[in-house]
Amino acid sequence: VGRDAGHAYGIERDPNAVDKACENARRNGLTHIEFIAADAGKWK
């Protein structure tokens, strides 16, 4: 979905999943999408 946006953030508490998400963004050349390791209820 985020490939259509100007900027996108993915929030996930599992740091291993975040590492994989960052790798997935790189392999697809989607540099405007960032992933952050944080609890969905605590991220600001």
PDB file of all heavy atoms in Angstrom:
ATOM      1  N   VAL A   1       0.830  -1.208   0.000  1.00  0.00           N
ATOM      2  CA  VAL A   1       0.000   0.000   0.000  1.00  0.00           C
ATOM      3  C   VAL A   1       0.864   1.257   0.000  1.00  0.00           C
ATOM      4  O   VAL A   1       0.549   2.240  -0.679  1.00  0.00           O
ATOM      5  CB  VAL A   1      -0.944   0.003   1.219  1.00  0.00           C
ATOM      6  CG1 VAL A   1      -1.750   1.295   1.290  1.00  0.00           C
ATOM      7  CG2 VAL A   1      -1.876  -1.202   1.177  1.00  0.00           C
ATOM      8  N   GLY A   2       1.965   1.229   0.747  1.00  0.00           N
ATOM      9  CA  GLY A   2       2.797   2.410   0.921  1.00  0.00           C
ATOM     10  C   GLY A   2       3.526   2.859  -0.320  1.00  0.00           C
ATOM     11  O   GLY A   2       3.987   4.005  -0.378  1.00  0.00           O
ATOM     12  N   ARG A   3       3.650   2.010  -1.340  1.00  0.00           N
ATOM     13  CA  ARG A   3       4.315   2.437  -2.573  1.00  0.00           C
ATOM     14  C   ARG A   3       3.563   3.582  -3.255  1.00  0.00           C
ATOM     15  O   ARG A   3       4.124   4.308  -4.072  1.00  0.00           O
ATOM     16  CB  ARG A   3       4.467   1.258  -3.535  1.00  0.00           C
ATOM     17  CG  ARG A   3       3.164   0.565  -3.889  1.00  0.00           C
ATOM     18  CD  ARG A   3       3.405  -0.650  -4.773  1.00  0.00           C
ATOM     19  NE  ARG A   3       2.244  -1.523  -4.794  1.00  0.00           N
ATOM     20  CZ  ARG A   3       2.129  -2.576  -5.603  1.00  0.00           C
ATOM     21  NH1 ARG A   3       3.099  -2.876  -6.457  1.00  0.00           N
ATOM     22  NH2 ARG A   3       1.060  -3.346  -5.559  1.00  0.00           N
ATOM     23  N   ASP A   4       2.273   3.741  -2.928  1.00  0.00           N
ATOM     24  CA  ASP A   4       1.481   4.829  -3.507  1.00  0.00           C
ATOM     25  C   ASP A   4       1.603   6.124  -2.722  1.00  0.00           C
ATOM     26  O   ASP A   4       1.144   7.179  -3.185  1.00  0.00           O
ATOM     27  CB  ASP A   4      -0.003   4.441  -3.541  1.00  0.00           C
ATOM     28  CG  ASP A   4      -0.277   3.196  -4.367  1.00  0.00           C
ATOM     29  OD1 ASP A   4       0.452   2.965  -5.343  1.00  0.00           O
ATOM     30  OD2 ASP A   4      -1.217   2.453  -4.019  1.00  0.00           O
ATOM     31  N   ALA A   5       2.182   6.079  -1.513  1.00  0.00           N
ATOM     32  CA  ALA A   5       2.229   7.239  -0.621  1.00  0.00           C
ATOM     33  C   ALA A   5       3.491   8.064  -0.848  1.00  0.00           C
ATOM     34  O   ALA A   5       4.460   7.619  -1.471  1.00  0.00           O
ATOM     35  CB  ALA A   5       2.168   6.773   0.835  1.00  0.00           C
ATOM     36  N   GLY A   6       3.466   9.273  -0.300  1.00  0.00           N
ATOM     37  CA  GLY A   6       4.676  10.079  -0.316  1.00  0.00           C
ATOM     38  C   GLY A   6       5.676   9.594   0.711  1.00  0.00           C
ATOM     39  O   GLY A   6       6.887   9.606   0.479  1.00  0.00           O
ATOM     40  N   HIS A   7       5.138   9.151   1.861  1.00  0.00           N
ATOM     41  CA  HIS A   7       5.982   8.581   2.905  1.00  0.00           C
ATOM     42  C   HIS A   7       5.155   7.560   3.672  1.00  0.00           C
ATOM     43  O   HIS A   7       3.941   7.711   3.802  1.00  0.00           O
ATOM     44  CB  HIS A   7       6.492   9.660   3.860  1.00  0.00           C
ATOM     45  CG  HIS A   7       7.792   9.306   4.503  1.00  0.00           C
ATOM     46  ND1 HIS A   7       9.012   9.753   4.042  1.00  0.00           N
ATOM     47  CD2 HIS A   7       8.078   8.514   5.567  1.00  0.00           C
ATOM     48  CE1 HIS A   7       9.981   9.264   4.800  1.00  0.00           C
ATOM     49  NE2 HIS A   7       9.449   8.506   5.736  1.00  0.00           N
ATOM     50  N   ALA A   8       5.805   6.506   4.167  1.00  0.00           N
ATOM     51  CA  ALA A   8       5.097   5.470   4.921  1.00  0.00           C
ATOM     52  C   ALA A   8       5.985   4.962   6.041  1.00  0.00           C
ATOM     53  O   ALA A   8       7.216   4.887   5.895  1.00  0.00           O
ATOM     54  CB  ALA A   8       4.689   4.325   4.001  1.00  0.00           C
ATOM     55  N   TYR A   9       5.329   4.626   7.147  1.00  0.00           N
ATOM     56  CA  TYR A   9       6.013   4.066   8.309  1.00  0.00           C
ATOM     57  C   TYR A   9       5.349   2.746   8.679  1.00  0.00           C
ATOM     58  O   TYR A   9       4.125   2.650   8.754  1.00  0.00           O
ATOM     59  CB  TYR A   9       5.924   5.003   9.515  1.00  0.00           C
ATOM     60  CG  TYR A   9       6.550   6.359   9.311  1.00  0.00           C
ATOM     61  CD1 TYR A   9       5.791   7.424   8.833  1.00  0.00           C
ATOM     62  CD2 TYR A   9       7.896   6.574   9.597  1.00  0.00           C
ATOM     63  CE1 TYR A   9       6.365   8.679   8.647  1.00  0.00           C
ATOM     64  CE2 TYR A   9       8.477   7.822   9.417  1.00  0.00           C
ATOM     65  CZ  TYR A   9       7.702   8.869   8.944  1.00  0.00           C
ATOM     66  OH  TYR A   9       8.273  10.102   8.759  1.00  0.00           O
ATOM     67  N   GLY A  10       6.159   1.731   8.950  1.00  0.00           N
ATOM     68  CA  GLY A  10       5.661   0.472   9.484  1.00  0.00           C
ATOM     69  C   GLY A  10       6.127   0.312  10.918  1.00  0.00           C
ATOM     70  O   GLY A  10       7.330   0.471  11.198  1.00  0.00           O
ATOM     71  N   ILE A  11       5.190   0.014  11.822  1.00  0.00           N
ATOM     72  CA  ILE A  11       5.500  -0.101  13.244  1.00  0.00           C
ATOM     73  C   ILE A  11       5.303  -1.547  13.665  1.00  0.00           C
ATOM     74  O   ILE A  11       4.239  -2.136  13.449  1.00  0.00           O
ATOM     75  CB  ILE A  11       4.585   0.813  14.090  1.00  0.00           C
ATOM     76  CG1 ILE A  11       4.526   2.228  13.504  1.00  0.00           C
ATOM     77  CG2 ILE A  11       5.047   0.818  15.534  1.00  0.00           C
ATOM     78  CD1 ILE A  11       5.864   2.911  13.374  1.00  0.00           C
ATOM     79  N   GLU A  12       6.331  -2.132  14.292  1.00  0.00           N
ATOM     80  CA  GLU A  12       6.284  -3.545  14.678  1.00  0.00           C
ATOM     81  C   GLU A  12       7.155  -3.740  15.920  1.00  0.00           C
ATOM     82  O   GLU A  12       8.292  -3.250  15.969  1.00  0.00           O
ATOM     83  CB  GLU A  12       6.790  -4.422  13.532  1.00  0.00           C
ATOM     84  CG  GLU A  12       7.039  -5.877  13.863  1.00  0.00           C
ATOM     85  CD  GLU A  12       5.799  -6.596  14.386  1.00  0.00           C
ATOM     86  OE1 GLU A  12       4.736  -6.468  13.766  1.00  0.00           O
ATOM     87  OE2 GLU A  12       5.926  -7.282  15.423  1.00  0.00           O
ATOM     88  N   ARG A  13       6.641  -4.453  16.918  1.00  0.00           N
ATOM     89  CA  ARG A  13       7.374  -4.635  18.170  1.00  0.00           C
ATOM     90  C   ARG A  13       8.503  -5.658  18.068  1.00  0.00           C
ATOM     91  O   ARG A  13       9.452  -5.623  18.854  1.00  0.00           O
ATOM     92  CB  ARG A  13       6.413  -5.035  19.290  1.00  0.00           C
ATOM     93  CG  ARG A  13       5.709  -6.347  19.040  1.00  0.00           C
ATOM     94  CD  ARG A  13       4.552  -6.566  20.009  1.00  0.00           C
ATOM     95  NE  ARG A  13       5.023  -7.002  21.311  1.00  0.00           N
ATOM     96  CZ  ARG A  13       4.240  -7.202  22.356  1.00  0.00           C
ATOM     97  NH1 ARG A  13       2.936  -6.963  22.257  1.00  0.00           N
ATOM     98  NH2 ARG A  13       4.717  -7.630  23.490  1.00  0.00           N
ATOM     99  N   ASP A  14       8.422  -6.598  17.115  1.00  0.00           N
ATOM    100  CA  ASP A  14       9.434  -7.648  16.972  1.00  0.00           C
ATOM    101  C   ASP A  14      10.617  -7.105  16.160  1.00  0.00           C
ATOM    102  O   ASP A  14      10.495  -6.859  14.968  1.00  0.00           O
ATOM    103  CB  ASP A  14       8.824  -8.856  16.269  1.00  0.00           C
ATOM    104  CG  ASP A  14       9.820  -9.986  16.069  1.00  0.00           C
ATOM    105  OD1 ASP A  14      10.993  -9.852  16.474  1.00  0.00           O
ATOM    106  OD2 ASP A  14       9.432 -11.022  15.481  1.00  0.00           O
ATOM    107  N   PRO A  15      11.786  -6.915  16.792  1.00  0.00           N
ATOM    108  CA  PRO A  15      12.924  -6.339  16.058  1.00  0.00           C
ATOM    109  C   PRO A  15      13.409  -7.212  14.908  1.00  0.00           C
ATOM    110  O   PRO A  15      13.910  -6.687  13.905  1.00  0.00           O
ATOM    111  CB  PRO A  15      14.005  -6.176  17.137  1.00  0.00           C
ATOM    112  CG  PRO A  15      13.599  -7.094  18.246  1.00  0.00           C
ATOM    113  CD  PRO A  15      12.102  -7.164  18.208  1.00  0.00           C
ATOM    114  N   ASN A  16      13.268  -8.517  15.021  1.00  0.00           N
ATOM    115  CA  ASN A  16      13.669  -9.392  13.918  1.00  0.00           C
ATOM    116  C   ASN A  16      12.775  -9.176  12.700  1.00  0.00           C
ATOM    117  O   ASN A  16      13.251  -9.169  11.554  1.00  0.00           O
ATOM    118  CB  ASN A  16      13.605 -10.857  14.354  1.00  0.00           C
ATOM    119  CG  ASN A  16      14.639 -11.192  15.413  1.00  0.00           C
ATOM    120  OD1 ASN A  16      15.756 -10.673  15.386  1.00  0.00           O
ATOM    121  ND2 ASN A  16      14.283 -12.043  16.356  1.00  0.00           N
ATOM    122  N   ALA A  17      11.461  -8.996  12.939  1.00  0.00           N
ATOM    123  CA  ALA A  17      10.543  -8.712  11.836  1.00  0.00           C
ATOM    124  C   ALA A  17      10.851  -7.350  11.217  1.00  0.00           C
ATOM    125  O   ALA A  17      10.758  -7.181   9.987  1.00  0.00           O
ATOM    126  CB  ALA A  17       9.102  -8.762  12.324  1.00  0.00           C
ATOM    127  N   VAL A  18      11.227  -6.376  12.047  1.00  0.00           N
ATOM    128  CA  VAL A  18      11.585  -5.055  11.530  1.00  0.00           C
ATOM    129  C   VAL A  18      12.822  -5.148  10.635  1.00  0.00           C
ATOM    130  O   VAL A  18      12.886  -4.519   9.565  1.00  0.00           O
ATOM    131  CB  VAL A  18      11.814  -4.067  12.688  1.00  0.00           C
ATOM    132  CG1 VAL A  18      12.422  -2.755  12.185  1.00  0.00           C
ATOM    133  CG2 VAL A  18      10.493  -3.787  13.401  1.00  0.00           C
ATOM    134  N   ASP A  19      13.807  -5.929  11.041  1.00  0.00           N
ATOM    135  CA  ASP A  19      15.000  -6.132  10.201  1.00  0.00           C
ATOM    136  C   ASP A  19      14.594  -6.709   8.847  1.00  0.00           C
ATOM    137  O   ASP A  19      15.100  -6.281   7.797  1.00  0.00           O
ATOM    138  CB  ASP A  19      15.987  -7.064  10.892  1.00  0.00           C
ATOM    139  CG  ASP A  19      16.674  -6.423  12.090  1.00  0.00           C
ATOM    140  OD1 ASP A  19      16.631  -5.179  12.202  1.00  0.00           O
ATOM    141  OD2 ASP A  19      17.252  -7.168  12.910  1.00  0.00           O
ATOM    142  N   LYS A  20      13.691  -7.683   8.866  1.00  0.00           N
ATOM    143  CA  LYS A  20      13.239  -8.286   7.616  1.00  0.00           C
ATOM    144  C   LYS A  20      12.452  -7.275   6.781  1.00  0.00           C
ATOM    145  O   LYS A  20      12.583  -7.220   5.551  1.00  0.00           O
ATOM    146  CB  LYS A  20      12.381  -9.517   7.913  1.00  0.00           C
ATOM    147  CG  LYS A  20      11.852 -10.235   6.684  1.00  0.00           C
ATOM    148  CD  LYS A  20      12.963 -10.719   5.770  1.00  0.00           C
ATOM    149  CE  LYS A  20      13.809 -11.787   6.445  1.00  0.00           C
ATOM    150  NZ  LYS A  20      14.852 -12.309   5.506  1.00  0.00           N
ATOM    151  N   ALA A  21      11.630  -6.442   7.445  1.00  0.00           N
ATOM    152  CA  ALA A  21      10.856  -5.425   6.730  1.00  0.00           C
ATOM    153  C   ALA A  21      11.774  -4.411   6.054  1.00  0.00           C
ATOM    154  O   ALA A  21      11.544  -4.020   4.898  1.00  0.00           O
ATOM    155  CB  ALA A  21       9.900  -4.726   7.695  1.00  0.00           C
ATOM    156  N   CYS A  22      12.828  -3.989   6.758  1.00  0.00           N
ATOM    157  CA  CYS A  22      13.783  -3.054   6.167  1.00  0.00           C
ATOM    158  C   CYS A  22      14.477  -3.671   4.952  1.00  0.00           C
ATOM    159  O   CYS A  22      14.683  -3.005   3.921  1.00  0.00           O
ATOM    160  CB  CYS A  22      14.826  -2.639   7.203  1.00  0.00           C
ATOM    161  SG  CYS A  22      14.177  -1.623   8.553  1.00  0.00           S
ATOM    162  N   GLU A  23      14.804  -4.940   5.083  1.00  0.00           N
ATOM    163  CA  GLU A  23      15.409  -5.660   3.957  1.00  0.00           C
ATOM    164  C   GLU A  23      14.433  -5.745   2.785  1.00  0.00           C
ATOM    165  O   GLU A  23      14.811  -5.569   1.624  1.00  0.00           O
ATOM    166  CB  GLU A  23      15.813  -7.054   4.417  1.00  0.00           C
ATOM    167  CG  GLU A  23      16.467  -7.905   3.342  1.00  0.00           C
ATOM    168  CD  GLU A  23      16.782  -9.303   3.839  1.00  0.00           C
ATOM    169  OE1 GLU A  23      17.128  -9.451   5.023  1.00  0.00           O
ATOM    170  OE2 GLU A  23      16.656 -10.253   3.036  1.00  0.00           O
ATOM    171  N   ASN A  24      13.151  -5.975   3.087  1.00  0.00           N
ATOM    172  CA  ASN A  24      12.147  -6.043   2.020  1.00  0.00           C
ATOM    173  C   ASN A  24      11.993  -4.701   1.310  1.00  0.00           C
ATOM    174  O   ASN A  24      11.811  -4.649   0.093  1.00  0.00           O
ATOM    175  CB  ASN A  24      10.802  -6.482   2.601  1.00  0.00           C
ATOM    176  CG  ASN A  24      10.783  -7.960   2.937  1.00  0.00           C
ATOM    177  OD1 ASN A  24      11.502  -8.758   2.337  1.00  0.00           O
ATOM    178  ND2 ASN A  24       9.953  -8.342   3.901  1.00  0.00           N
ATOM    179  N   ALA A  25      12.054  -3.597   2.070  1.00  0.00           N
ATOM    180  CA  ALA A  25      11.988  -2.271   1.450  1.00  0.00           C
ATOM    181  C   ALA A  25      13.175  -2.055   0.521  1.00  0.00           C
ATOM    182  O   ALA A  25      13.019  -1.534  -0.597  1.00  0.00           O
ATOM    183  CB  ALA A  25      11.939  -1.189   2.523  1.00  0.00           C
ATOM    184  N   ARG A  26      14.377  -2.456   0.966  1.00  0.00           N
ATOM    185  CA  ARG A  26      15.580  -2.280   0.144  1.00  0.00           C
ATOM    186  C   ARG A  26      15.500  -3.101  -1.131  1.00  0.00           C
ATOM    187  O   ARG A  26      15.830  -2.609  -2.222  1.00  0.00           O
ATOM    188  CB  ARG A  26      16.828  -2.653   0.941  1.00  0.00           C
ATOM    189  CG  ARG A  26      17.213  -1.641   2.010  1.00  0.00           C
ATOM    190  CD  ARG A  26      18.609  -1.933   2.551  1.00  0.00           C
ATOM    191  NE  ARG A  26      18.664  -3.224   3.234  1.00  0.00           N
ATOM    192  CZ  ARG A  26      18.441  -3.384   4.538  1.00  0.00           C
ATOM    193  NH1 ARG A  26      18.113  -2.340   5.284  1.00  0.00           N
ATOM    194  NH2 ARG A  26      18.549  -4.570   5.082  1.00  0.00           N
ATOM    195  N   ARG A  27      15.079  -4.353  -1.009  1.00  0.00           N
ATOM    196  CA  ARG A  27      15.067  -5.219  -2.196  1.00  0.00           C
ATOM    197  C   ARG A  27      14.059  -4.762  -3.238  1.00  0.00           C
ATOM    198  O   ARG A  27      14.187  -5.077  -4.414  1.00  0.00           O
ATOM    199  CB  ARG A  27      14.851  -6.678  -1.801  1.00  0.00           C
ATOM    200  CG  ARG A  27      13.441  -7.071  -1.460  1.00  0.00           C
ATOM    201  CD  ARG A  27      13.319  -8.574  -1.274  1.00  0.00           C
ATOM    202  NE  ARG A  27      13.967  -9.023  -0.052  1.00  0.00           N
ATOM    203  CZ  ARG A  27      14.212 -10.292   0.249  1.00  0.00           C
ATOM    204  NH1 ARG A  27      13.893 -11.241  -0.603  1.00  0.00           N
ATOM    205  NH2 ARG A  27      14.760 -10.625   1.394  1.00  0.00           N
ATOM    206  N   ASN A  28      13.039  -3.991  -2.794  1.00  0.00           N
ATOM    207  CA  ASN A  28      12.043  -3.473  -3.740  1.00  0.00           C
ATOM    208  C   ASN A  28      12.280  -2.012  -4.101  1.00  0.00           C
ATOM    209  O   ASN A  28      11.476  -1.419  -4.828  1.00  0.00           O
ATOM    210  CB  ASN A  28      10.646  -3.644  -3.148  1.00  0.00           C
ATOM    211  CG  ASN A  28      10.197  -5.096  -3.120  1.00  0.00           C
ATOM    212  OD1 ASN A  28       9.859  -5.681  -4.146  1.00  0.00           O
ATOM    213  ND2 ASN A  28      10.220  -5.700  -1.932  1.00  0.00           N
ATOM    214  N   GLY A  29      13.373  -1.426  -3.616  1.00  0.00           N
ATOM    215  CA  GLY A  29      13.729  -0.059  -3.971  1.00  0.00           C
ATOM    216  C   GLY A  29      12.766   0.993  -3.464  1.00  0.00           C
ATOM    217  O   GLY A  29      12.646   2.068  -4.062  1.00  0.00           O
ATOM    218  N   LEU A  30      12.083   0.719  -2.345  1.00  0.00           N
ATOM    219  CA  LEU A  30      11.098   1.646  -1.798  1.00  0.00           C
ATOM    220  C   LEU A  30      11.727   2.427  -0.655  1.00  0.00           C
ATOM    221  O   LEU A  30      11.546   2.133   0.529  1.00  0.00           O
ATOM    222  CB  LEU A  30       9.851   0.888  -1.347  1.00  0.00           C
ATOM    223  CG  LEU A  30       9.099   0.170  -2.486  1.00  0.00           C
ATOM    224  CD1 LEU A  30       7.980  -0.712  -1.941  1.00  0.00           C
ATOM    225  CD2 LEU A  30       8.534   1.180  -3.477  1.00  0.00           C
ATOM    226  N   THR A  31      12.490   3.452  -1.017  1.00  0.00           N
ATOM    227  CA  THR A  31      13.286   4.186  -0.036  1.00  0.00           C
ATOM    228  C   THR A  31      12.455   5.167   0.795  1.00  0.00           C
ATOM    229  O   THR A  31      12.952   5.700   1.798  1.00  0.00           O
ATOM    230  CB  THR A  31      14.401   4.962  -0.757  1.00  0.00           C
ATOM    231  OG1 THR A  31      13.811   5.836  -1.745  1.00  0.00           O
ATOM    232  CG2 THR A  31      15.355   3.998  -1.466  1.00  0.00           C
ATOM    233  N   HIS A  32      11.214   5.423   0.393  1.00  0.00           N
ATOM    234  CA  HIS A  32      10.372   6.356   1.145  1.00  0.00           C
ATOM    235  C   HIS A  32       9.583   5.661   2.261  1.00  0.00           C
ATOM    236  O   HIS A  32       8.767   6.297   2.923  1.00  0.00           O
ATOM    237  CB  HIS A  32       9.399   7.071   0.198  1.00  0.00           C
ATOM    238  CG  HIS A  32       8.372   6.158  -0.407  1.00  0.00           C
ATOM    239  ND1 HIS A  32       8.684   5.179  -1.327  1.00  0.00           N
ATOM    240  CD2 HIS A  32       7.034   6.061  -0.204  1.00  0.00           C
ATOM    241  CE1 HIS A  32       7.580   4.538  -1.674  1.00  0.00           C
ATOM    242  NE2 HIS A  32       6.567   5.047  -1.007  1.00  0.00           N
ATOM    243  N   ILE A  33       9.842   4.362   2.464  1.00  0.00           N
ATOM    244  CA  ILE A  33       9.138   3.597   3.494  1.00  0.00           C
ATOM    245  C   ILE A  33      10.120   3.218   4.592  1.00  0.00           C
ATOM    246  O   ILE A  33      11.169   2.629   4.325  1.00  0.00           O
ATOM    247  CB  ILE A  33       8.479   2.341   2.890  1.00  0.00           C
ATOM    248  CG1 ILE A  33       7.453   2.749   1.824  1.00  0.00           C
ATOM    249  CG2 ILE A  33       7.800   1.502   3.979  1.00  0.00           C
ATOM    250  CD1 ILE A  33       6.775   1.590   1.132  1.00  0.00           C
ATOM    251  N   GLU A  34       9.789   3.560   5.830  1.00  0.00           N
ATOM    252  CA  GLU A  34      10.638   3.280   6.976  1.00  0.00           C
ATOM    253  C   GLU A  34       9.943   2.314   7.935  1.00  0.00           C
ATOM    254  O   GLU A  34       8.713   2.310   8.037  1.00  0.00           O
ATOM    255  CB  GLU A  34      10.947   4.581   7.745  1.00  0.00           C
ATOM    256  CG  GLU A  34      11.659   5.631   6.933  1.00  0.00           C
ATOM    257  CD  GLU A  34      11.894   6.887   7.747  1.00  0.00           C
ATOM    258  OE1 GLU A  34      12.263   6.758   8.938  1.00  0.00           O
ATOM    259  OE2 GLU A  34      11.690   7.993   7.205  1.00  0.00           O
ATOM    260  N   PHE A  35      10.745   1.539   8.637  1.00  0.00           N
ATOM    261  CA  PHE A  35      10.212   0.596   9.621  1.00  0.00           C
ATOM    262  C   PHE A  35      10.847   0.872  10.978  1.00  0.00           C
ATOM    263  O   PHE A  35      12.049   1.123  11.087  1.00  0.00           O
ATOM    264  CB  PHE A  35      10.456  -0.838   9.185  1.00  0.00           C
ATOM    265  CG  PHE A  35       9.652  -1.208   7.961  1.00  0.00           C
ATOM    266  CD1 PHE A  35      10.217  -1.112   6.690  1.00  0.00           C
ATOM    267  CD2 PHE A  35       8.331  -1.613   8.079  1.00  0.00           C
ATOM    268  CE1 PHE A  35       9.474  -1.420   5.564  1.00  0.00           C
ATOM    269  CE2 PHE A  35       7.579  -1.930   6.955  1.00  0.00           C
ATOM    270  CZ  PHE A  35       8.149  -1.832   5.700  1.00  0.00           C
ATOM    271  N   ILE A  36      10.018   0.831  12.015  1.00  0.00           N
ATOM    272  CA  ILE A  36      10.434   1.207  13.356  1.00  0.00           C
ATOM    273  C   ILE A  36      10.050   0.097  14.328  1.00  0.00           C
ATOM    274  O   ILE A  36       8.907  -0.384  14.319  1.00  0.00           O
ATOM    275  CB  ILE A  36       9.752   2.527  13.780  1.00  0.00           C
ATOM    276  CG1 ILE A  36      10.143   3.654  12.802  1.00  0.00           C
ATOM    277  CG2 ILE A  36      10.118   2.899  15.211  1.00  0.00           C
ATOM    278  CD1 ILE A  36       9.303   4.907  12.946  1.00  0.00           C
ATOM    279  N   ALA A  37      10.997  -0.310  15.163  1.00  0.00           N
ATOM    280  CA  ALA A  37      10.732  -1.314  16.191  1.00  0.00           C
ATOM    281  C   ALA A  37      10.104  -0.627  17.398  1.00  0.00           C
ATOM    282  O   ALA A  37      10.789   0.082  18.140  1.00  0.00           O
ATOM    283  CB  ALA A  37      12.014  -2.032  16.578  1.00  0.00           C
ATOM    284  N   ALA A  38       8.799  -0.818  17.573  1.00  0.00           N
ATOM    285  CA  ALA A  38       8.092  -0.181  18.686  1.00  0.00           C
ATOM    286  C   ALA A  38       6.759  -0.868  18.872  1.00  0.00           C
ATOM    287  O   ALA A  38       6.202  -1.454  17.932  1.00  0.00           O
ATOM    288  CB  ALA A  38       7.884   1.317  18.426  1.00  0.00           C
ATOM    289  N   ASP A  39       6.236  -0.804  20.081  1.00  0.00           N
ATOM    290  CA  ASP A  39       4.897  -1.311  20.358  1.00  0.00           C
ATOM    291  C   ASP A  39       3.870  -0.386  19.720  1.00  0.00           C
ATOM    292  O   ASP A  39       3.999   0.841  19.767  1.00  0.00           O
ATOM    293  CB  ASP A  39       4.685  -1.373  21.869  1.00  0.00           C
ATOM    294  CG  ASP A  39       3.363  -2.023  22.231  1.00  0.00           C
ATOM    295  OD1 ASP A  39       2.334  -1.324  22.182  1.00  0.00           O
ATOM    296  OD2 ASP A  39       3.368  -3.215  22.556  1.00  0.00           O
ATOM    297  N   ALA A  40       2.835  -0.980  19.124  1.00  0.00           N
ATOM    298  CA  ALA A  40       1.826  -0.184  18.418  1.00  0.00           C
ATOM    299  C   ALA A  40       1.139   0.810  19.341  1.00  0.00           C
ATOM    300  O   ALA A  40       0.682   1.870  18.882  1.00  0.00           O
ATOM    301  CB  ALA A  40       0.789  -1.104  17.789  1.00  0.00           C
ATOM    302  N   GLY A  41       1.060   0.503  20.629  1.00  0.00           N
ATOM    303  CA  GLY A  41       0.383   1.393  21.555  1.00  0.00           C
ATOM    304  C   GLY A  41       1.284   2.404  22.231  1.00  0.00           C
ATOM    305  O   GLY A  41       0.797   3.266  22.971  1.00  0.00           O
ATOM    306  N   LYS A  42       2.592   2.338  21.981  1.00  0.00           N
ATOM    307  CA  LYS A  42       3.529   3.232  22.656  1.00  0.00           C
ATOM    308  C   LYS A  42       4.294   4.139  21.705  1.00  0.00           C
ATOM    309  O   LYS A  42       4.877   5.139  22.130  1.00  0.00           O
ATOM    310  CB  LYS A  42       4.531   2.400  23.484  1.00  0.00           C
ATOM    311  CG  LYS A  42       3.873   1.594  24.597  1.00  0.00           C
ATOM    312  CD  LYS A  42       4.898   0.761  25.361  1.00  0.00           C
ATOM    313  CE  LYS A  42       4.219  -0.042  26.470  1.00  0.00           C
ATOM    314  NZ  LYS A  42       5.186  -0.889  27.195  1.00  0.00           N
ATOM    315  N   TRP A  43       4.297   3.803  20.408  1.00  0.00           N
ATOM    316  CA  TRP A  43       5.019   4.627  19.442  1.00  0.00           C
ATOM    317  C   TRP A  43       4.373   5.998  19.327  1.00  0.00           C
ATOM    318  O   TRP A  43       3.141   6.132  19.316  1.00  0.00           O
ATOM    319  CB  TRP A  43       5.008   3.921  18.080  1.00  0.00           C
ATOM    320  CG  TRP A  43       5.588   4.760  16.975  1.00  0.00           C
ATOM    321  CD1 TRP A  43       6.900   5.054  16.776  1.00  0.00           C
ATOM    322  CD2 TRP A  43       4.870   5.406  15.915  1.00  0.00           C
ATOM    323  NE1 TRP A  43       7.051   5.843  15.663  1.00  0.00           N
ATOM    324  CE2 TRP A  43       5.829   6.067  15.115  1.00  0.00           C
ATOM    325  CE3 TRP A  43       3.518   5.486  15.558  1.00  0.00           C
ATOM    326  CZ2 TRP A  43       5.467   6.805  13.971  1.00  0.00           C
ATOM    327  CZ3 TRP A  43       3.158   6.211  14.437  1.00  0.00           C
ATOM    328  CH2 TRP A  43       4.122   6.865  13.649  1.00  0.00           C
ATOM    329  N   LYS A  44       5.201   7.028  19.238  1.00  0.00           N
ATOM    330  CA  LYS A  44       4.708   8.388  19.083  1.00  0.00           C
ATOM    331  C   LYS A  44       5.168   8.945  17.739  1.00  0.00           C
ATOM    332  O   LYS A  44       6.374   9.012  17.476  1.00  0.00           O
ATOM    333  CB  LYS A  44       5.222   9.289  20.212  1.00  0.00           C
ATOM    334  CG  LYS A  44       4.798   8.842  21.602  1.00  0.00           C
ATOM    335  CD  LYS A  44       3.279   8.874  21.774  1.00  0.00           C
ATOM    336  CE  LYS A  44       2.879   8.472  23.184  1.00  0.00           C
ATOM    337  NZ  LYS A  44       1.402   8.416  23.335  1.00  0.00           N
TER     338      LYS A  44
END
